[in-house]
Amino acid sequence: MLWIAVLAGNVGTWMQTVGAQWLVVEEPDAATWTSLVQTVTMLPVLLLALPAGAIADVLDRRRLLMAVQTALFLVGALLTGLTALDRMPPPLLLFFTFLLGVGQALTLPTWQAVIPEVVSREELPAASALGAVNTNLARSAGPAVAGLLVAHIGSAAVFALNALSYGIFALALVAWRRTPRKGPSHPERFGPAVRAGGRFVRYAPTVRRLLIRVVLFVLPGSVVWGLLPVVARQELHLGASGYGILLAALGAGAIAGALLMPRIRKVMTANRLILVAGLLYAGALIVVALAPHVAAVAGVLVLAGAAWMTLVSRMNATLQLLLPNWVRARGFGIYQVVFAGAQAVGALGWGQVAEQAGLPATFVAAAVVMLIGTATVPWLPVHEHDDADRSPAVYWAEPHIMLEPHPEEGPILVNAIYRVRDEQAAAFVAAMDAVRLTRLRTGATRWGLFRDGEDPIRYVEIYQVPTWEDHLRQHEGRLTGSDEQVEARAVALAEGPAEVTHLLPADIDD
């Protein structure tokens, strides 16, 4: 039910994009206006996805999605009415497109965080591929339907169906009976929640590397989404229906790629997939630039759609496995910021290049950038850890202290004292470097490991947490099974568990 509802929403979104772009394609400086439609669609995601992720990790995700879809329905209805009355100049169209983008910014990380509540961990890769099928069915059907409607009725009909799709999603959410999940005893406040999400990604090397790879692919790849309407009109001399067919070719390739994903996953590592997808996409861009014939362009767009879908789906599935539940929506919020930022900057940048150098030169330049990014795989590989345990692990003993600090008091210094023999010292220090990352990912802002000058086998780990509440969250579920394994490896090299003490600000009353 939810999958079908999301499909309706995705179809409506792609119809909206086609209707908006085609509404301005006859304007002077058409390349700039059409690329701006893509930019203002993605700009809210760039600005709001991380705060939206923080909200989704704190509030009830089902209710949040219901409220957002209802608001989007109202905005879409108003857009439809003004367009039907011929009261929709390009600047106002961009404003409404921005508002719809705000709704998408709130929806995307929240929906991604909901998926693991619907399927098991083992099914996440398949669910991610099924989500990609959803997106690309919409990408195939939406533009084709929109092209026909724009050609025979007008953009207002497209905008009306998009508004209806939001209503369908809202009704499906009303019907979904979400299983209640036990969260922390005290919901996180917004500001600290946003900062905690940023800290997690900063100190998660595998997540950072994945985000870099996404930028290197999406930035040059966005030239297709930003300038394809102009290619259809100026180079191929097609109408709205023809443009819809080109987008349908992209969607058809993406669906084919989704169907092949299980086999691709078995025979191809993520890094090899990055190489193959980059080469295919760059080749498609060159054909679009040098062979402006409808059949040739439609054929290579099928390949480009398959390359885009397989790579994005693989990155999405990998990220699902890398993020623990407590920060999942925030992690996907940052992912959406990076993804949308690359698309928005790329679409706007390639639009300006096209105005100055022309469409063929722009597509060739984008292909060169794609090839350069693809060539960096040996130095910036993606590391998959499908077997890592991201489930919550409450393995720290409850802190027993004589003082009772307020949850918002801080900073807090936590000392952990280990006794390590000389023959284990080098291995212990190396193991503690991995422990450092777990502390920083889950709440610490500073960390250090020191050796006692008077007692050389005495090692002191010191880390600072902003508030007592943040430290309690480390005890209550921010740590995962993987973090427990990392800490156990370090403790195994010491003479027993660490002796832990908590240092509080001196102005806390006892």
Protein backbone atom coordinates (compact mmCIF):
# COMPACT_ATOMS: atom_id res chain seq x y z
CA MET A 1 0.00 0.00 0.00
CA LEU A 2 2.75 2.44 0.92
CA TRP A 3 4.80 1.50 -2.13
CA ILE A 4 1.86 2.22 -4.43
CA ALA A 5 1.18 5.50 -2.65
CA VAL A 6 4.82 6.55 -3.04
CA LEU A 7 4.61 5.55 -6.71
CA ALA A 8 1.65 7.91 -7.14
CA GLY A 9 3.64 10.67 -5.45
CA ASN A 10 6.70 10.05 -7.62
CA VAL A 11 4.63 10.01 -10.81
CA GLY A 12 3.11 13.33 -9.79
CA THR A 13 6.53 14.83 -9.03
CA TRP A 14 7.90 13.92 -12.46
CA MET A 15 4.77 15.22 -14.13
CA GLN A 16 5.18 18.45 -12.19
CA THR A 17 8.78 18.84 -13.38
CA VAL A 18 7.83 18.31 -17.03
CA GLY A 19 4.88 20.69 -16.77
CA ALA A 20 6.97 23.41 -15.11
CA GLN A 21 9.89 23.11 -17.52
CA TRP A 22 7.68 23.08 -20.58
CA LEU A 23 5.79 26.12 -19.29
CA VAL A 24 9.00 28.19 -19.56
CA VAL A 25 10.68 26.52 -22.55
CA GLU A 26 9.40 29.22 -24.93
CA GLU A 27 10.69 32.05 -22.73
CA PRO A 28 13.80 34.05 -23.69
CA ASP A 29 16.91 32.42 -22.17
CA ALA A 30 15.08 29.09 -22.07
CA ALA A 31 18.20 27.17 -20.98
CA THR A 32 18.47 29.34 -17.87
CA TRP A 33 14.77 29.08 -16.98
CA THR A 34 14.56 25.31 -17.42
CA SER A 35 17.73 24.75 -15.42
CA LEU A 36 16.36 27.09 -12.72
CA VAL A 37 13.27 24.88 -12.43
CA GLN A 38 15.60 21.96 -11.61
CA THR A 39 17.65 24.14 -9.26
CA VAL A 40 14.74 25.51 -7.20
CA THR A 41 13.31 22.00 -6.97
CA MET A 42 16.51 20.76 -5.36
CA LEU A 43 17.48 23.89 -3.42
CA PRO A 44 15.05 23.24 -0.51
CA VAL A 45 16.50 19.76 -0.12
CA LEU A 46 19.94 21.34 0.05
CA LEU A 47 18.81 23.79 2.72
CA LEU A 48 16.38 21.71 4.75
CA ALA A 49 17.14 18.01 4.43
CA LEU A 50 19.37 17.87 7.54
CA PRO A 51 16.91 19.79 9.75
CA ALA A 52 14.15 17.61 8.28
CA GLY A 53 16.12 14.50 9.21
CA ALA A 54 16.53 15.78 12.76
CA ILE A 55 12.78 16.41 12.99
CA ALA A 56 12.06 12.91 11.63
CA ASP A 57 14.38 11.32 14.20
CA VAL A 58 12.64 13.19 17.02
CA LEU A 59 8.95 13.22 16.00
CA ASP A 60 6.57 10.46 14.94
CA ARG A 61 7.54 9.81 11.32
CA ARG A 62 4.07 8.73 10.18
CA ARG A 63 2.38 11.86 11.51
CA LEU A 64 5.09 14.07 10.05
CA LEU A 65 4.60 12.55 6.60
CA MET A 66 0.82 12.96 6.85
CA ALA A 67 1.11 16.66 7.72
CA VAL A 68 3.59 17.34 4.91
CA GLN A 69 1.51 15.57 2.24
CA THR A 70 -1.59 17.49 3.28
CA ALA A 71 0.26 20.80 2.98
CA LEU A 72 1.64 19.79 -0.42
CA PHE A 73 -1.87 18.98 -1.62
CA LEU A 74 -3.00 22.51 -0.74
CA VAL A 75 0.00 24.13 -2.45
CA GLY A 76 -0.52 21.98 -5.56
CA ALA A 77 -4.20 22.92 -5.71
CA LEU A 78 -3.38 26.63 -5.57
CA LEU A 79 -0.72 26.21 -8.27
CA THR A 80 -3.26 24.44 -10.46
CA GLY A 81 -5.85 27.17 -10.06
CA LEU A 82 -3.50 30.04 -10.87
CA THR A 83 -2.08 28.21 -13.89
CA ALA A 84 -5.56 27.50 -15.23
CA LEU A 85 -6.33 31.22 -14.91
CA ASP A 86 -3.10 32.05 -16.81
CA ARG A 87 -1.69 33.82 -13.76
CA MET A 88 1.61 31.93 -13.59
CA PRO A 89 4.62 33.98 -14.77
CA PRO A 90 8.04 32.25 -14.54
CA PRO A 91 9.10 33.90 -11.23
CA LEU A 92 5.85 32.83 -9.53
CA LEU A 93 6.21 29.35 -11.00
CA LEU A 94 9.68 29.12 -9.48
CA PHE A 95 8.24 30.20 -6.11
CA PHE A 96 5.60 27.44 -6.14
CA THR A 97 8.20 24.96 -7.35
CA PHE A 98 10.32 25.96 -4.36
CA LEU A 99 7.41 25.36 -1.97
CA LEU A 100 6.86 21.90 -3.42
CA GLY A 101 10.59 21.30 -3.06
CA VAL A 102 10.32 22.18 0.63
CA GLY A 103 7.75 19.42 0.99
CA GLN A 104 10.05 17.00 -0.80
CA ALA A 105 12.89 18.00 1.52
CA LEU A 106 10.76 17.06 4.51
CA THR A 107 9.50 13.86 2.88
CA LEU A 108 12.67 12.23 1.51
CA PRO A 109 14.73 11.58 4.68
CA THR A 110 11.61 10.71 6.65
CA TRP A 111 10.48 8.10 4.11
CA GLN A 112 13.98 6.61 3.86
CA ALA A 113 14.04 6.24 7.65
CA VAL A 114 10.62 4.52 7.57
CA ILE A 115 11.71 1.76 5.15
CA PRO A 116 13.62 -0.27 7.79
CA GLU A 117 10.44 -0.25 9.89
CA VAL A 118 8.58 -2.02 7.07
CA VAL A 119 11.18 -4.64 6.03
CA SER A 120 13.88 -6.64 7.80
CA ARG A 121 17.57 -5.79 7.66
CA GLU A 122 18.22 -8.70 5.30
CA GLU A 123 15.62 -7.31 2.89
CA LEU A 124 16.98 -3.75 2.86
CA PRO A 125 19.07 -4.12 -0.34
CA ALA A 126 16.08 -5.60 -2.17
CA ALA A 127 13.79 -2.94 -0.71
CA SER A 128 16.18 -0.26 -1.91
CA ALA A 129 16.13 -1.75 -5.41
CA LEU A 130 12.33 -1.92 -5.26
CA GLY A 131 12.31 1.73 -4.25
CA ALA A 132 14.45 2.47 -7.29
CA VAL A 133 11.96 0.57 -9.46
CA ASN A 134 9.26 2.79 -7.97
CA THR A 135 11.18 5.97 -8.74
CA ASN A 136 11.98 4.94 -12.26
CA LEU A 137 8.52 3.62 -13.09
CA ALA A 138 7.46 7.12 -12.18
CA ARG A 139 10.29 8.60 -14.22
CA SER A 140 9.14 6.54 -17.19
CA ALA A 141 5.38 6.99 -16.90
CA GLY A 142 5.20 10.49 -15.42
CA PRO A 143 6.98 12.41 -18.20
CA ALA A 144 5.20 10.47 -20.95
CA VAL A 145 1.76 11.18 -19.45
CA ALA A 146 2.75 14.76 -18.70
CA GLY A 147 3.94 15.31 -22.27
CA LEU A 148 0.57 14.16 -23.63
CA LEU A 149 -1.38 16.28 -21.15
CA VAL A 150 0.72 19.39 -21.76
CA ALA A 151 0.38 18.97 -25.53
CA HIS A 152 -3.42 18.47 -25.50
CA ILE A 153 -4.71 20.17 -22.32
CA GLY A 154 -1.96 22.26 -20.75
CA SER A 155 0.30 22.35 -17.71
CA ALA A 156 -2.61 22.99 -15.33
CA ALA A 157 -3.84 19.42 -15.79
CA VAL A 158 -0.38 18.12 -14.89
CA PHE A 159 -0.26 20.24 -11.75
CA ALA A 160 -3.75 19.01 -10.75
CA LEU A 161 -2.72 15.36 -10.99
CA ASN A 162 0.40 16.12 -8.96
CA ALA A 163 -1.74 17.64 -6.20
CA LEU A 164 -3.96 14.54 -6.28
CA SER A 165 -0.91 12.31 -5.84
CA TYR A 166 -0.11 14.04 -2.54
CA GLY A 167 -3.63 13.34 -1.35
CA ILE A 168 -3.27 9.65 -2.23
CA PHE A 169 -0.05 9.40 -0.22
CA ALA A 170 -1.70 11.12 2.76
CA LEU A 171 -4.62 8.68 2.70
CA ALA A 172 -2.26 5.68 2.58
CA LEU A 173 -0.44 7.02 5.63
CA VAL A 174 -3.77 7.38 7.46
CA ALA A 175 -4.49 3.70 6.73
CA TRP A 176 -1.01 2.51 7.84
CA ARG A 177 -0.97 1.31 11.42
CA ARG A 178 2.65 1.84 12.41
CA THR A 179 4.04 -0.45 15.10
CA PRO A 180 5.02 1.75 18.07
CA ARG A 181 8.75 1.86 18.72
CA LYS A 182 10.37 2.56 22.02
CA GLY A 183 12.67 5.56 21.79
CA PRO A 184 14.86 7.42 24.26
CA SER A 185 13.22 8.42 27.52
CA HIS A 186 13.58 12.10 26.54
CA PRO A 187 13.22 13.22 22.88
CA GLU A 188 16.20 15.15 21.58
CA ARG A 189 15.94 18.89 21.21
CA PHE A 190 16.15 20.20 17.65
CA GLY A 191 19.48 22.04 17.78
CA PRO A 192 21.46 19.30 19.54
CA ALA A 193 19.82 16.71 17.26
CA VAL A 194 21.05 18.52 14.14
CA ARG A 195 24.57 18.83 15.56
CA ALA A 196 24.59 15.17 16.57
CA GLY A 197 23.69 14.14 13.01
CA GLY A 198 26.50 16.26 11.60
CA ARG A 199 29.01 14.80 14.08
CA PHE A 200 28.02 11.26 13.18
CA VAL A 201 28.69 11.75 9.47
CA ARG A 202 31.88 13.71 10.16
CA TYR A 203 33.36 10.81 12.11
CA ALA A 204 31.99 7.99 9.92
CA PRO A 205 34.68 7.58 7.21
CA THR A 206 32.67 5.05 5.22
CA VAL A 207 29.69 7.43 5.02
CA ARG A 208 31.89 10.38 4.03
CA ARG A 209 33.53 8.39 1.26
CA LEU A 210 30.13 7.34 -0.10
CA LEU A 211 28.98 10.98 -0.18
CA ILE A 212 32.08 12.00 -2.14
CA ARG A 213 31.37 9.33 -4.73
CA VAL A 214 27.78 10.55 -5.06
CA VAL A 215 28.98 14.11 -5.76
CA LEU A 216 31.50 12.97 -8.36
CA PHE A 217 28.74 11.16 -10.26
CA VAL A 218 25.73 13.45 -9.81
CA LEU A 219 27.48 16.77 -10.51
CA PRO A 220 28.27 15.98 -14.17
CA GLY A 221 25.26 13.67 -14.52
CA SER A 222 22.83 16.50 -13.69
CA VAL A 223 23.39 18.01 -17.14
CA VAL A 224 20.79 15.58 -18.51
CA TRP A 225 18.06 16.50 -16.02
CA GLY A 226 18.72 20.22 -16.37
CA LEU A 227 19.09 20.59 -20.14
CA LEU A 228 17.19 17.71 -21.73
CA PRO A 229 14.12 19.93 -22.41
CA VAL A 230 16.34 22.34 -24.34
CA VAL A 231 17.96 19.46 -26.25
CA ALA A 232 14.48 18.19 -27.16
CA ARG A 233 13.31 21.60 -28.37
CA GLN A 234 16.40 23.13 -29.96
CA GLU A 235 18.49 20.17 -31.14
CA LEU A 236 15.87 17.50 -31.87
CA HIS A 237 12.95 19.86 -32.67
CA LEU A 238 10.51 17.87 -30.55
CA GLY A 239 7.33 18.98 -28.81
CA ALA A 240 6.14 18.18 -25.29
CA SER A 241 5.19 14.63 -26.26
CA GLY A 242 8.64 14.02 -27.75
CA TYR A 243 10.28 15.34 -24.61
CA GLY A 244 8.14 12.96 -22.58
CA ILE A 245 9.36 10.09 -24.76
CA LEU A 246 12.99 11.00 -24.06
CA LEU A 247 12.34 11.02 -20.32
CA ALA A 248 10.48 7.75 -20.71
CA ALA A 249 13.62 6.29 -22.33
CA LEU A 250 15.60 7.34 -19.27
CA GLY A 251 12.99 5.74 -17.03
CA ALA A 252 12.86 2.55 -19.07
CA GLY A 253 16.63 2.17 -18.79
CA ALA A 254 16.41 2.74 -15.06
CA ILE A 255 13.75 0.05 -14.69
CA ALA A 256 15.90 -2.38 -16.67
CA GLY A 257 18.82 -1.55 -14.40
CA ALA A 258 16.65 -2.17 -11.34
CA LEU A 259 15.59 -5.56 -12.64
CA LEU A 260 19.24 -6.47 -13.19
CA MET A 261 20.35 -5.22 -9.76
CA PRO A 262 20.26 -8.61 -7.98
CA ARG A 263 22.55 -10.11 -10.61
CA ILE A 264 24.77 -7.02 -10.73
CA ARG A 265 25.12 -7.11 -6.95
CA LYS A 266 26.39 -10.71 -7.12
CA VAL A 267 28.97 -10.23 -9.87
CA MET A 268 30.08 -6.64 -9.37
CA THR A 269 31.50 -4.83 -6.34
CA ALA A 270 30.36 -1.29 -5.60
CA ASN A 271 33.61 0.17 -6.91
CA ARG A 272 33.46 -1.78 -10.16
CA LEU A 273 29.86 -0.65 -10.58
CA ILE A 274 31.00 2.96 -10.16
CA LEU A 275 33.51 2.47 -12.98
CA VAL A 276 31.03 0.82 -15.34
CA ALA A 277 28.22 3.30 -14.61
CA GLY A 278 30.55 6.28 -15.05
CA LEU A 279 31.81 5.02 -18.41
CA LEU A 280 28.30 4.27 -19.69
CA TYR A 281 26.94 7.65 -18.61
CA ALA A 282 29.89 9.57 -20.06
CA GLY A 283 29.48 7.71 -23.34
CA ALA A 284 25.80 8.61 -23.42
CA LEU A 285 26.60 12.30 -22.90
CA ILE A 286 29.04 12.27 -25.82
CA VAL A 287 26.43 10.69 -28.11
CA VAL A 288 23.86 13.34 -27.10
CA ALA A 289 26.43 16.02 -27.94
CA LEU A 290 27.71 14.64 -31.25
CA ALA A 291 24.78 12.66 -32.70
CA PRO A 292 21.65 14.80 -32.27
CA HIS A 293 19.21 12.31 -33.79
CA VAL A 294 16.09 11.19 -31.94
CA ALA A 295 16.73 7.44 -32.23
CA ALA A 296 20.39 7.74 -31.16
CA VAL A 297 19.62 10.04 -28.23
CA ALA A 298 16.71 7.89 -27.03
CA GLY A 299 18.88 4.77 -27.26
CA VAL A 300 21.75 6.15 -25.18
CA LEU A 301 19.32 7.66 -22.67
CA VAL A 302 18.21 4.10 -21.92
CA LEU A 303 21.85 3.30 -21.02
CA ALA A 304 22.20 6.51 -19.05
CA GLY A 305 19.04 5.72 -17.08
CA ALA A 306 20.33 2.24 -16.26
CA ALA A 307 23.71 3.61 -15.16
CA TRP A 308 22.11 6.33 -13.02
CA MET A 309 19.66 3.95 -11.32
CA THR A 310 22.11 1.15 -10.57
CA LEU A 311 24.69 3.46 -9.02
CA VAL A 312 22.25 5.58 -7.01
CA SER A 313 20.38 2.46 -5.82
CA ARG A 314 23.62 0.80 -4.75
CA MET A 315 24.73 3.89 -2.82
CA ASN A 316 21.31 4.18 -1.20
CA ALA A 317 21.26 0.54 -0.11
CA THR A 318 24.79 0.79 1.25
CA LEU A 319 23.87 3.86 3.27
CA GLN A 320 20.82 2.09 4.71
CA LEU A 321 23.17 -0.57 6.07
CA LEU A 322 25.71 1.91 7.41
CA LEU A 323 23.33 4.09 9.45
CA PRO A 324 21.99 3.07 12.88
CA ASN A 325 18.34 3.81 13.56
CA TRP A 326 18.93 6.68 16.01
CA VAL A 327 20.52 8.82 13.30
CA ARG A 328 19.09 7.26 10.13
CA ALA A 329 16.83 10.13 9.06
CA ARG A 330 19.58 12.67 9.79
CA GLY A 331 22.08 10.60 7.84
CA PHE A 332 19.73 10.45 4.87
CA GLY A 333 19.08 14.16 5.32
CA ILE A 334 22.77 14.83 4.82
CA TYR A 335 22.78 12.41 1.87
CA GLN A 336 19.90 14.35 0.32
CA VAL A 337 21.73 17.64 0.94
CA VAL A 338 24.75 16.32 -0.91
CA PHE A 339 22.69 14.73 -3.69
CA ALA A 340 20.41 17.73 -4.21
CA GLY A 341 23.30 20.17 -3.87
CA ALA A 342 25.21 18.40 -6.61
CA GLN A 343 22.10 18.37 -8.81
CA ALA A 344 21.19 22.00 -8.13
CA VAL A 345 24.71 23.36 -8.61
CA GLY A 346 25.25 21.12 -11.62
CA ALA A 347 21.97 22.07 -13.32
CA LEU A 348 22.55 25.79 -12.80
CA GLY A 349 26.21 25.58 -13.81
CA TRP A 350 25.59 23.55 -16.94
CA GLY A 351 22.76 25.91 -17.88
CA GLN A 352 25.17 28.85 -17.78
CA VAL A 353 27.79 26.91 -19.75
CA ALA A 354 25.16 26.12 -22.40
CA GLU A 355 24.23 29.78 -22.74
CA GLN A 356 27.87 30.64 -23.45
CA ALA A 357 29.25 27.59 -25.28
CA GLY A 358 26.20 25.84 -26.71
CA LEU A 359 24.61 22.48 -25.93
CA PRO A 360 27.08 20.13 -27.69
CA ALA A 361 30.13 21.62 -25.96
CA THR A 362 28.30 21.51 -22.61
CA PHE A 363 27.52 17.81 -22.89
CA VAL A 364 31.10 17.02 -23.95
CA ALA A 365 32.44 18.98 -20.96
CA ALA A 366 30.11 17.10 -18.62
CA ALA A 367 31.33 13.79 -20.08
CA VAL A 368 34.95 14.79 -19.43
CA VAL A 369 34.13 15.70 -15.81
CA MET A 370 32.34 12.36 -15.40
CA LEU A 371 35.38 10.45 -16.71
CA ILE A 372 37.75 12.34 -14.40
CA GLY A 373 35.57 11.56 -11.40
CA THR A 374 35.29 7.90 -12.40
CA ALA A 375 39.08 7.65 -12.68
CA THR A 376 39.42 8.52 -8.95
CA VAL A 377 37.87 5.22 -7.80
CA PRO A 378 41.26 3.59 -6.93
CA TRP A 379 42.04 6.51 -4.59
CA LEU A 380 38.50 7.08 -3.26
CA PRO A 381 36.83 3.65 -3.12
CA VAL A 382 33.55 2.89 -1.40
CA HIS A 383 33.84 0.41 1.45
CA GLU A 384 30.75 -1.72 2.03
CA HIS A 385 30.12 -3.29 5.43
CA ASP A 386 26.94 -5.26 4.89
CA ASP A 387 27.74 -7.53 7.86
CA ALA A 388 28.26 -4.71 10.37
CA ASP A 389 25.93 -4.78 13.37
CA ARG A 390 24.07 -1.45 13.47
CA SER A 391 21.46 -2.55 16.03
CA PRO A 392 21.39 -0.65 19.34
CA ALA A 393 23.68 -2.10 22.01
CA VAL A 394 23.21 -0.99 25.61
CA TYR A 395 26.36 -2.43 27.17
CA TRP A 396 27.70 0.38 29.35
CA ALA A 397 26.93 0.15 33.04
CA GLU A 398 24.52 2.78 34.30
CA PRO A 399 26.52 5.68 35.76
CA HIS A 400 26.22 5.85 39.55
CA ILE A 401 27.26 9.29 40.78
CA MET A 402 26.71 11.19 44.00
CA LEU A 403 25.73 14.43 42.22
CA GLU A 404 22.55 14.81 40.17
CA PRO A 405 23.36 17.10 37.22
CA HIS A 406 20.64 18.74 35.16
CA PRO A 407 20.33 17.04 31.74
CA GLU A 408 21.41 20.24 29.99
CA GLU A 409 24.44 20.87 32.22
CA GLY A 410 27.83 20.48 30.66
CA PRO A 411 30.33 19.99 29.33
CA ILE A 412 31.00 16.58 30.86
CA LEU A 413 34.45 14.97 30.96
CA VAL A 414 34.51 11.17 30.98
CA ASN A 415 37.73 9.44 32.07
CA ALA A 416 38.39 5.76 31.42
CA ILE A 417 41.55 4.32 32.99
CA TYR A 418 43.14 1.18 31.51
CA ARG A 419 46.17 -0.80 32.60
CA VAL A 420 48.11 -2.14 29.60
CA ARG A 421 51.36 -4.14 29.60
CA ASP A 422 54.21 -2.90 27.40
CA GLU A 423 53.97 -5.84 25.01
CA GLN A 424 50.30 -4.93 24.29
CA ALA A 425 50.79 -1.15 24.19
CA ALA A 426 51.16 -0.66 20.43
CA ALA A 427 48.15 -2.84 19.61
CA PHE A 428 46.10 -1.14 22.34
CA VAL A 429 46.83 2.37 21.03
CA ALA A 430 45.88 1.25 17.50
CA ALA A 431 42.64 -0.30 18.77
CA MET A 432 41.78 2.86 20.68
CA ASP A 433 41.88 4.89 17.46
CA ALA A 434 38.75 2.99 16.34
CA VAL A 435 37.24 3.60 19.81
CA ARG A 436 37.89 7.34 19.27
CA LEU A 437 35.57 7.32 16.25
CA THR A 438 32.78 5.57 18.16
CA ARG A 439 32.97 8.20 20.93
CA LEU A 440 32.92 11.10 18.46
CA ARG A 441 30.13 9.60 16.33
CA THR A 442 27.84 9.12 19.33
CA GLY A 443 28.23 12.47 21.08
CA ALA A 444 31.78 13.39 22.11
CA THR A 445 33.20 16.67 20.83
CA ARG A 446 36.83 16.11 21.96
CA TRP A 447 38.81 12.96 22.64
CA GLY A 448 42.33 12.08 23.80
CA LEU A 449 44.37 9.11 24.99
CA PHE A 450 47.18 9.75 27.48
CA ARG A 451 49.85 7.70 29.25
CA ASP A 452 50.69 8.22 32.92
CA GLY A 453 54.30 9.44 33.32
CA GLU A 454 54.62 8.02 36.84
CA ASP A 455 52.88 4.73 36.05
CA PRO A 456 53.73 3.76 32.42
CA ILE A 457 51.20 0.92 32.17
CA ARG A 458 48.37 3.30 33.09
CA TYR A 459 46.51 4.76 30.08
CA VAL A 460 43.78 7.38 30.46
CA GLU A 461 41.09 7.95 27.83
CA ILE A 462 39.44 11.36 28.20
CA TYR A 463 36.56 12.63 26.11
CA GLN A 464 34.20 15.59 26.39
CA VAL A 465 30.45 15.47 25.82
CA PRO A 466 28.39 18.70 25.48
CA THR A 467 25.78 17.85 28.13
CA TRP A 468 24.89 15.17 30.63
CA GLU A 469 21.87 14.34 28.45
CA ASP A 470 24.17 13.62 25.50
CA HIS A 471 26.23 11.25 27.62
CA LEU A 472 23.10 9.45 28.84
CA ARG A 473 22.07 8.95 25.21
CA GLN A 474 25.34 7.10 24.69
CA HIS A 475 24.24 4.78 27.48
CA GLU A 476 20.65 4.45 26.18
CA GLY A 477 21.03 3.38 22.56
CA ARG A 478 23.35 5.47 20.40
CA LEU A 479 26.01 2.79 20.58
CA THR A 480 25.67 -0.20 18.25
CA GLY A 481 26.79 -3.80 18.15
CA SER A 482 29.73 -2.75 15.96
CA ASP A 483 30.76 -0.14 18.54
CA GLU A 484 30.64 -2.82 21.23
CA GLN A 485 32.93 -5.06 19.17
CA VAL A 486 35.40 -2.21 18.63
CA GLU A 487 35.52 -1.44 22.35
CA ALA A 488 35.81 -5.13 23.26
CA ARG A 489 38.91 -5.48 21.06
CA ALA A 490 40.59 -2.63 22.91
CA VAL A 491 39.57 -3.88 26.38
CA ALA A 492 40.89 -7.37 25.55
CA LEU A 493 44.39 -5.86 25.27
CA ALA A 494 44.15 -4.31 28.75
CA GLU A 495 44.16 -5.91 32.17
CA GLY A 496 40.40 -5.93 32.64
CA PRO A 497 37.66 -3.34 32.03
CA ALA A 498 38.35 0.36 32.37
CA GLU A 499 37.70 2.31 35.55
CA VAL A 500 35.33 5.09 34.50
CA THR A 501 34.80 8.44 36.24
CA HIS A 502 32.66 11.44 35.28
CA LEU A 503 33.85 15.01 35.81
CA LEU A 504 31.08 17.61 36.03
CA PRO A 505 31.28 21.43 35.86
CA ALA A 506 32.28 22.83 39.23
CA ASP A 507 29.23 25.10 39.43
CA ILE A 508 26.77 22.16 39.60
CA ASP A 509 25.12 22.14 43.01
CA ASP A 510 25.27 18.93 45.07
